């Protein structure tokens, strides 16, 4: 059985292919009337771990600017 994340991602993939404005409006109204926005999102252990690791990286200044990351990506792509 699909997990909630898999189902959500499949729905998003399908939504991205829809161009009919009326259809999208109807879906939007349906979704906006649901109580989903009140539900707390449960993060997995791995998600919490990654968030904590990210916070630790920020606190310890282990960060890379977007500009530097772009340069590193270009170097990596050249070496493929």
PDB file of N, CA and C in Angstrom:
ATOM      1  N   UNK A   1       0.846  -1.191   0.000  1.00  0.00           N
ATOM      2  CA  UNK A   1       0.000   0.000   0.000  1.00  0.00           C
ATOM      3  C   UNK A   1       0.882   1.242   0.000  1.00  0.00           C
ATOM      4  N   UNK A   2       0.464   2.250  -0.724  1.00  0.00           N
ATOM      5  CA  UNK A   2       1.230   3.489  -0.807  1.00  0.00           C
ATOM      6  C   UNK A   2       1.197   4.238   0.511  1.00  0.00           C
ATOM      7  N   UNK A   3       2.297   4.884   0.809  1.00  0.00           N
ATOM      8  CA  UNK A   3       2.328   5.755   1.971  1.00  0.00           C
ATOM      9  C   UNK A   3       1.654   7.069   1.611  1.00  0.00           C
ATOM     10  N   UNK A   4       1.342   7.848   2.633  1.00  0.00           N
ATOM     11  CA  UNK A   4       0.709   9.145   2.390  1.00  0.00           C
ATOM     12  C   UNK A   4       1.607  10.016   1.520  1.00  0.00           C
ATOM     13  N   UNK A   5       2.919   9.958   1.740  1.00  0.00           N
ATOM     14  CA  UNK A   5       3.850  10.750   0.926  1.00  0.00           C
ATOM     15  C   UNK A   5       3.797  10.345  -0.538  1.00  0.00           C
ATOM     16  N   UNK A   6       3.739   9.054  -0.807  1.00  0.00           N
ATOM     17  CA  UNK A   6       3.672   8.578  -2.194  1.00  0.00           C
ATOM     18  C   UNK A   6       2.374   9.016  -2.864  1.00  0.00           C
ATOM     19  N   UNK A   7       1.283   8.900  -2.141  1.00  0.00           N
ATOM     20  CA  UNK A   7      -0.010   9.309  -2.694  1.00  0.00           C
ATOM     21  C   UNK A   7      -0.001  10.807  -2.983  1.00  0.00           C
ATOM     22  N   UNK A   8       0.505  11.597  -2.022  1.00  0.00           N
ATOM     23  CA  UNK A   8       0.576  13.054  -2.198  1.00  0.00           C
ATOM     24  C   UNK A   8       1.415  13.405  -3.424  1.00  0.00           C
ATOM     25  N   UNK A   9       2.572  12.772  -3.564  1.00  0.00           N
ATOM     26  CA  UNK A   9       3.447  13.049  -4.704  1.00  0.00           C
ATOM     27  C   UNK A   9       2.792  12.660  -6.025  1.00  0.00           C
ATOM     28  N   UNK A  10       2.054  11.554  -6.034  1.00  0.00           N
ATOM     29  CA  UNK A  10       1.345  11.147  -7.247  1.00  0.00           C
ATOM     30  C   UNK A  10       0.260  12.153  -7.612  1.00  0.00           C
ATOM     31  N   UNK A  11      -0.439  12.662  -6.610  1.00  0.00           N
ATOM     32  CA  UNK A  11      -1.464  13.681  -6.861  1.00  0.00           C
ATOM     33  C   UNK A  11      -0.820  14.945  -7.433  1.00  0.00           C
ATOM     34  N   UNK A  12       0.280  15.364  -6.849  1.00  0.00           N
ATOM     35  CA  UNK A  12       0.975  16.563  -7.328  1.00  0.00           C
ATOM     36  C   UNK A  12       1.412  16.373  -8.777  1.00  0.00           C
ATOM     37  N   UNK A  13       1.979  15.208  -9.092  1.00  0.00           N
ATOM     38  CA  UNK A  13       2.397  14.933 -10.470  1.00  0.00           C
ATOM     39  C   UNK A  13       1.224  15.069 -11.440  1.00  0.00           C
ATOM     40  N   UNK A  14       0.079  14.533 -11.056  1.00  0.00           N
ATOM     41  CA  UNK A  14      -1.100  14.613 -11.924  1.00  0.00           C
ATOM     42  C   UNK A  14      -1.611  16.054 -12.031  1.00  0.00           C
ATOM     43  N   UNK A  15      -1.594  16.792 -10.926  1.00  0.00           N
ATOM     44  CA  UNK A  15      -2.051  18.185 -10.949  1.00  0.00           C
ATOM     45  C   UNK A  15      -1.217  19.034 -11.897  1.00  0.00           C
ATOM     46  N   UNK A  16       0.063  18.768 -11.955  1.00  0.00           N
ATOM     47  CA  UNK A  16       0.947  19.555 -12.806  1.00  0.00           C
ATOM     48  C   UNK A  16       0.636  19.389 -14.288  1.00  0.00           C
ATOM     49  N   UNK A  17      -0.097  18.346 -14.639  1.00  0.00           N
ATOM     50  CA  UNK A  17      -0.432  18.115 -16.055  1.00  0.00           C
ATOM     51  C   UNK A  17      -1.785  18.700 -16.437  1.00  0.00           C
ATOM     52  N   UNK A  18      -2.550  19.177 -15.458  1.00  0.00           N
ATOM     53  CA  UNK A  18      -3.899  19.696 -15.727  1.00  0.00           C
ATOM     54  C   UNK A  18      -3.816  21.170 -16.124  1.00  0.00           C
ATOM     55  N   UNK A  19      -4.442  21.516 -17.238  1.00  0.00           N
ATOM     56  CA  UNK A  19      -4.455  22.906 -17.676  1.00  0.00           C
ATOM     57  C   UNK A  19      -5.867  23.495 -17.705  1.00  0.00           C
ATOM     58  N   UNK A  20      -6.884  22.677 -17.442  1.00  0.00           N
ATOM     59  CA  UNK A  20      -8.264  23.131 -17.456  1.00  0.00           C
ATOM     60  C   UNK A  20      -8.541  23.965 -16.205  1.00  0.00           C
ATOM     61  N   UNK A  21      -8.778  25.259 -16.404  1.00  0.00           N
ATOM     62  CA  UNK A  21      -8.943  26.192 -15.289  1.00  0.00           C
ATOM     63  C   UNK A  21     -10.152  25.844 -14.414  1.00  0.00           C
ATOM     64  N   UNK A  22     -11.268  25.475 -15.027  1.00  0.00           N
ATOM     65  CA  UNK A  22     -12.471  25.146 -14.268  1.00  0.00           C
ATOM     66  C   UNK A  22     -12.244  23.916 -13.393  1.00  0.00           C
ATOM     67  N   UNK A  23     -11.587  22.934 -13.941  1.00  0.00           N
ATOM     68  CA  UNK A  23     -11.282  21.707 -13.206  1.00  0.00           C
ATOM     69  C   UNK A  23     -10.383  22.009 -12.017  1.00  0.00           C
ATOM     70  N   UNK A  24      -9.340  22.819 -12.267  1.00  0.00           N
ATOM     71  CA  UNK A  24      -8.423  23.189 -11.189  1.00  0.00           C
ATOM     72  C   UNK A  24      -9.131  24.021 -10.117  1.00  0.00           C
ATOM     73  N   UNK A  25     -10.036  24.907 -10.533  1.00  0.00           N
ATOM     74  CA  UNK A  25     -10.793  25.718  -9.582  1.00  0.00           C
ATOM     75  C   UNK A  25     -11.657  24.834  -8.691  1.00  0.00           C
ATOM     76  N   UNK A  26     -12.301  23.850  -9.284  1.00  0.00           N
ATOM     77  CA  UNK A  26     -13.141  22.927  -8.512  1.00  0.00           C
ATOM     78  C   UNK A  26     -12.294  22.139  -7.518  1.00  0.00           C
ATOM     79  N   UNK A  27     -11.131  21.676  -7.951  1.00  0.00           N
ATOM     80  CA  UNK A  27     -10.235  20.951  -7.046  1.00  0.00           C
ATOM     81  C   UNK A  27      -9.763  21.841  -5.912  1.00  0.00           C
ATOM     82  N   UNK A  28      -9.442  23.090  -6.250  1.00  0.00           N
ATOM     83  CA  UNK A  28      -8.980  24.030  -5.234  1.00  0.00           C
ATOM     84  C   UNK A  28     -10.054  24.255  -4.173  1.00  0.00           C
ATOM     85  N   UNK A  29     -11.303  24.438  -4.611  1.00  0.00           N
ATOM     86  CA  UNK A  29     -12.401  24.641  -3.670  1.00  0.00           C
ATOM     87  C   UNK A  29     -12.586  23.419  -2.775  1.00  0.00           C
ATOM     88  N   UNK A  30     -12.484  22.248  -3.344  1.00  0.00           N
ATOM     89  CA  UNK A  30     -12.611  21.013  -2.577  1.00  0.00           C
ATOM     90  C   UNK A  30     -11.513  20.909  -1.515  1.00  0.00           C
ATOM     91  N   UNK A  31     -10.305  21.185  -1.924  1.00  0.00           N
ATOM     92  CA  UNK A  31      -9.166  21.079  -1.002  1.00  0.00           C
ATOM     93  C   UNK A  31      -9.214  22.163   0.068  1.00  0.00           C
ATOM     94  N   UNK A  32      -9.584  23.379  -0.308  1.00  0.00           N
ATOM     95  CA  UNK A  32      -9.564  24.485   0.646  1.00  0.00           C
ATOM     96  C   UNK A  32     -10.639  24.333   1.724  1.00  0.00           C
ATOM     97  N   UNK A  33     -11.675  23.547   1.474  1.00  0.00           N
ATOM     98  CA  UNK A  33     -12.728  23.333   2.460  1.00  0.00           C
ATOM     99  C   UNK A  33     -12.433  22.155   3.383  1.00  0.00           C
ATOM    100  N   UNK A  34     -11.349  21.439   3.143  1.00  0.00           N
ATOM    101  CA  UNK A  34     -11.025  20.289   3.980  1.00  0.00           C
ATOM    102  C   UNK A  34     -10.372  20.757   5.272  1.00  0.00           C
ATOM    103  N   UNK A  35     -10.279  19.871   6.225  1.00  0.00           N
ATOM    104  CA  UNK A  35      -9.695  20.214   7.520  1.00  0.00           C
ATOM    105  C   UNK A  35      -8.209  19.864   7.578  1.00  0.00           C
ATOM    106  N   UNK A  36      -7.613  19.621   6.445  1.00  0.00           N
ATOM    107  CA  UNK A  36      -6.210  19.221   6.396  1.00  0.00           C
ATOM    108  C   UNK A  36      -5.309  20.265   7.038  1.00  0.00           C
ATOM    109  N   UNK A  37      -5.628  21.535   6.838  1.00  0.00           N
ATOM    110  CA  UNK A  37      -4.751  22.584   7.350  1.00  0.00           C
ATOM    111  C   UNK A  37      -4.654  22.571   8.869  1.00  0.00           C
ATOM    112  N   UNK A  38      -5.600  21.926   9.540  1.00  0.00           N
ATOM    113  CA  UNK A  38      -5.558  21.855  10.991  1.00  0.00           C
ATOM    114  C   UNK A  38      -4.773  20.645  11.498  1.00  0.00           C
ATOM    115  N   UNK A  39      -4.495  19.717  10.626  1.00  0.00           N
ATOM    116  CA  UNK A  39      -3.772  18.514  11.025  1.00  0.00           C
ATOM    117  C   UNK A  39      -2.290  18.798  11.179  1.00  0.00           C
ATOM    118  N   UNK A  40      -1.711  18.301  12.250  1.00  0.00           N
ATOM    119  CA  UNK A  40      -0.270  18.422  12.444  1.00  0.00           C
ATOM    120  C   UNK A  40       0.420  17.392  11.569  1.00  0.00           C
ATOM    121  N   UNK A  41       1.515  17.783  10.998  1.00  0.00           N
ATOM    122  CA  UNK A  41       2.277  16.878  10.145  1.00  0.00           C
ATOM    123  C   UNK A  41       3.248  16.105  11.017  1.00  0.00           C
ATOM    124  N   UNK A  42       3.208  14.804  10.909  1.00  0.00           N
ATOM    125  CA  UNK A  42       4.121  13.954  11.654  1.00  0.00           C
ATOM    126  C   UNK A  42       5.367  13.705  10.815  1.00  0.00           C
ATOM    127  N   UNK A  43       6.503  14.145  11.329  1.00  0.00           N
ATOM    128  CA  UNK A  43       7.754  13.912  10.634  1.00  0.00           C
ATOM    129  C   UNK A  43       8.330  12.570  11.056  1.00  0.00           C
ATOM    130  N   UNK A  44       8.989  11.920  10.115  1.00  0.00           N
ATOM    131  CA  UNK A  44       9.631  10.650  10.428  1.00  0.00           C
ATOM    132  C   UNK A  44      10.903  10.906  11.225  1.00  0.00           C
ATOM    133  N   UNK A  45      11.433   9.842  11.790  1.00  0.00           N
ATOM    134  CA  UNK A  45      12.692   9.948  12.538  1.00  0.00           C
ATOM    135  C   UNK A  45      13.790  10.516  11.638  1.00  0.00           C
ATOM    136  N   UNK A  46      13.863  10.025  10.407  1.00  0.00           N
ATOM    137  CA  UNK A  46      14.893  10.487   9.473  1.00  0.00           C
ATOM    138  C   UNK A  46      14.724  11.966   9.126  1.00  0.00           C
ATOM    139  N   UNK A  47      13.489  12.410   8.963  1.00  0.00           N
ATOM    140  CA  UNK A  47      13.248  13.823   8.668  1.00  0.00           C
ATOM    141  C   UNK A  47      13.675  14.708   9.836  1.00  0.00           C
ATOM    142  N   UNK A  48      13.326  14.286  11.047  1.00  0.00           N
ATOM    143  CA  UNK A  48      13.737  15.039  12.231  1.00  0.00           C
ATOM    144  C   UNK A  48      15.256  15.064  12.367  1.00  0.00           C
ATOM    145  N   UNK A  49      15.888  13.936  12.095  1.00  0.00           N
ATOM    146  CA  UNK A  49      17.341  13.858  12.160  1.00  0.00           C
ATOM    147  C   UNK A  49      17.984  14.814  11.166  1.00  0.00           C
ATOM    148  N   UNK A  50      17.477  14.842   9.940  1.00  0.00           N
ATOM    149  CA  UNK A  50      18.026  15.740   8.933  1.00  0.00           C
ATOM    150  C   UNK A  50      17.827  17.207   9.319  1.00  0.00           C
ATOM    151  N   UNK A  51      16.683  17.544   9.868  1.00  0.00           N
ATOM    152  CA  UNK A  51      16.443  18.921  10.305  1.00  0.00           C
ATOM    153  C   UNK A  51      17.386  19.317  11.433  1.00  0.00           C
ATOM    154  N   UNK A  52      17.586  18.408  12.368  1.00  0.00           N
ATOM    155  CA  UNK A  52      18.519  18.689  13.468  1.00  0.00           C
ATOM    156  C   UNK A  52      19.949  18.841  12.957  1.00  0.00           C
ATOM    157  N   UNK A  53      20.325  18.010  11.988  1.00  0.00           N
ATOM    158  CA  UNK A  53      21.663  18.120  11.409  1.00  0.00           C
ATOM    159  C   UNK A  53      21.816  19.453  10.680  1.00  0.00           C
ATOM    160  N   UNK A  54      20.763  19.887   9.996  1.00  0.00           N
ATOM    161  CA  UNK A  54      20.800  21.167   9.289  1.00  0.00           C
ATOM    162  C   UNK A  54      20.951  22.326  10.271  1.00  0.00           C
ATOM    163  N   UNK A  55      20.211  22.283  11.358  1.00  0.00           N
ATOM    164  CA  UNK A  55      20.322  23.333  12.371  1.00  0.00           C
ATOM    165  C   UNK A  55      21.729  23.375  12.966  1.00  0.00           C
ATOM    166  N   UNK A  56      22.303  22.199  13.197  1.00  0.00           N
ATOM    167  CA  UNK A  56      23.671  22.127  13.722  1.00  0.00           C
ATOM    168  C   UNK A  56      24.669  22.710  12.722  1.00  0.00           C
ATOM    169  N   UNK A  57      24.472  22.411  11.437  1.00  0.00           N
ATOM    170  CA  UNK A  57      25.350  22.973  10.407  1.00  0.00           C
ATOM    171  C   UNK A  57      25.272  24.493  10.397  1.00  0.00           C
ATOM    172  N   UNK A  58      24.079  25.032  10.514  1.00  0.00           N
ATOM    173  CA  UNK A  58      23.913  26.486  10.516  1.00  0.00           C
ATOM    174  C   UNK A  58      24.573  27.097  11.741  1.00  0.00           C
ATOM    175  N   UNK A  59      24.347  26.506  12.902  1.00  0.00           N
ATOM    176  CA  UNK A  59      24.950  27.025  14.146  1.00  0.00           C
ATOM    177  C   UNK A  59      26.470  27.023  14.087  1.00  0.00           C
ATOM    178  N   UNK A  60      27.038  26.023  13.425  1.00  0.00           N
ATOM    179  CA  UNK A  60      28.495  25.878  13.355  1.00  0.00           C
ATOM    180  C   UNK A  60      29.084  26.432  12.064  1.00  0.00           C
ATOM    181  N   UNK A  61      28.288  27.221  11.365  1.00  0.00           N
ATOM    182  CA  UNK A  61      28.724  27.908  10.142  1.00  0.00           C
ATOM    183  C   UNK A  61      29.264  26.961   9.067  1.00  0.00           C
ATOM    184  N   UNK A  62      28.682  25.793   8.998  1.00  0.00           N
ATOM    185  CA  UNK A  62      29.035  24.840   7.935  1.00  0.00           C
ATOM    186  C   UNK A  62      28.016  25.011   6.807  1.00  0.00           C
ATOM    187  N   UNK A  63      28.119  26.152   6.151  1.00  0.00           N
ATOM    188  CA  UNK A  63      27.173  26.488   5.090  1.00  0.00           C
ATOM    189  C   UNK A  63      27.935  26.886   3.831  1.00  0.00           C
ATOM    190  N   UNK A  64      27.231  26.829   2.718  1.00  0.00           N
ATOM    191  CA  UNK A  64      27.803  27.199   1.425  1.00  0.00           C
ATOM    192  C   UNK A  64      26.817  28.160   0.770  1.00  0.00           C
ATOM    193  N   UNK A  65      27.338  29.242   0.219  1.00  0.00           N
ATOM    194  CA  UNK A  65      26.462  30.194  -0.462  1.00  0.00           C
ATOM    195  C   UNK A  65      25.924  29.573  -1.747  1.00  0.00           C
ATOM    196  N   UNK A  66      24.838  30.126  -2.228  1.00  0.00           N
ATOM    197  CA  UNK A  66      24.262  29.644  -3.486  1.00  0.00           C
ATOM    198  C   UNK A  66      25.264  29.803  -4.621  1.00  0.00           C
ATOM    199  N   UNK A  67      25.985  30.906  -4.609  1.00  0.00           N
ATOM    200  CA  UNK A  67      26.985  31.159  -5.651  1.00  0.00           C
ATOM    201  C   UNK A  67      28.075  30.084  -5.642  1.00  0.00           C
ATOM    202  N   UNK A  68      28.569  29.754  -4.452  1.00  0.00           N
ATOM    203  CA  UNK A  68      29.596  28.719  -4.343  1.00  0.00           C
ATOM    204  C   UNK A  68      29.038  27.354  -4.743  1.00  0.00           C
ATOM    205  N   UNK A  69      27.815  27.084  -4.359  1.00  0.00           N
ATOM    206  CA  UNK A  69      27.179  25.826  -4.728  1.00  0.00           C
ATOM    207  C   UNK A  69      27.030  25.713  -6.242  1.00  0.00           C
ATOM    208  N   UNK A  70      26.668  26.814  -6.897  1.00  0.00           N
ATOM    209  CA  UNK A  70      26.565  26.818  -8.359  1.00  0.00           C
ATOM    210  C   UNK A  70      27.911  26.509  -9.008  1.00  0.00           C
ATOM    211  N   UNK A  71      28.989  27.087  -8.459  1.00  0.00           N
ATOM    212  CA  UNK A  71      30.328  26.815  -8.988  1.00  0.00           C
ATOM    213  C   UNK A  71      30.698  25.350  -8.815  1.00  0.00           C
ATOM    214  N   UNK A  72      30.408  24.805  -7.643  1.00  0.00           N
ATOM    215  CA  UNK A  72      30.700  23.394  -7.388  1.00  0.00           C
ATOM    216  C   UNK A  72      29.902  22.484  -8.318  1.00  0.00           C
ATOM    217  N   UNK A  73      28.645  22.847  -8.559  1.00  0.00           N
ATOM    218  CA  UNK A  73      27.821  22.060  -9.486  1.00  0.00           C
ATOM    219  C   UNK A  73      28.401  22.067 -10.894  1.00  0.00           C
ATOM    220  N   UNK A  74      28.856  23.236 -11.341  1.00  0.00           N
ATOM    221  CA  UNK A  74      29.442  23.337 -12.685  1.00  0.00           C
ATOM    222  C   UNK A  74      30.709  22.498 -12.791  1.00  0.00           C
ATOM    223  N   UNK A  75      31.524  22.525 -11.759  1.00  0.00           N
ATOM    224  CA  UNK A  75      32.745  21.703 -11.758  1.00  0.00           C
ATOM    225  C   UNK A  75      32.373  20.221 -11.837  1.00  0.00           C
ATOM    226  N   UNK A  76      31.389  19.839 -11.053  1.00  0.00           N
ATOM    227  CA  UNK A  76      30.965  18.453 -11.042  1.00  0.00           C
ATOM    228  C   UNK A  76      30.447  18.031 -12.419  1.00  0.00           C
ATOM    229  N   UNK A  77      29.639  18.889 -13.036  1.00  0.00           N
ATOM    230  CA  UNK A  77      29.097  18.579 -14.348  1.00  0.00           C
ATOM    231  C   UNK A  77      30.196  18.470 -15.408  1.00  0.00           C
ATOM    232  N   UNK A  78      31.227  19.300 -15.304  1.00  0.00           N
ATOM    233  CA  UNK A  78      32.321  19.230 -16.269  1.00  0.00           C
ATOM    234  C   UNK A  78      33.083  17.929 -16.179  1.00  0.00           C
ATOM    235  N   UNK A  79      33.095  17.326 -14.994  1.00  0.00           N
ATOM    236  CA  UNK A  79      33.835  16.088 -14.778  1.00  0.00           C
ATOM    237  C   UNK A  79      33.045  14.827 -15.103  1.00  0.00           C
ATOM    238  N   UNK A  80      31.819  14.988 -15.545  1.00  0.00           N
ATOM    239  CA  UNK A  80      31.012  13.799 -15.888  1.00  0.00           C
ATOM    240  C   UNK A  80      31.453  13.185 -17.181  1.00  0.00           C
TER     241      UNK A  80
END
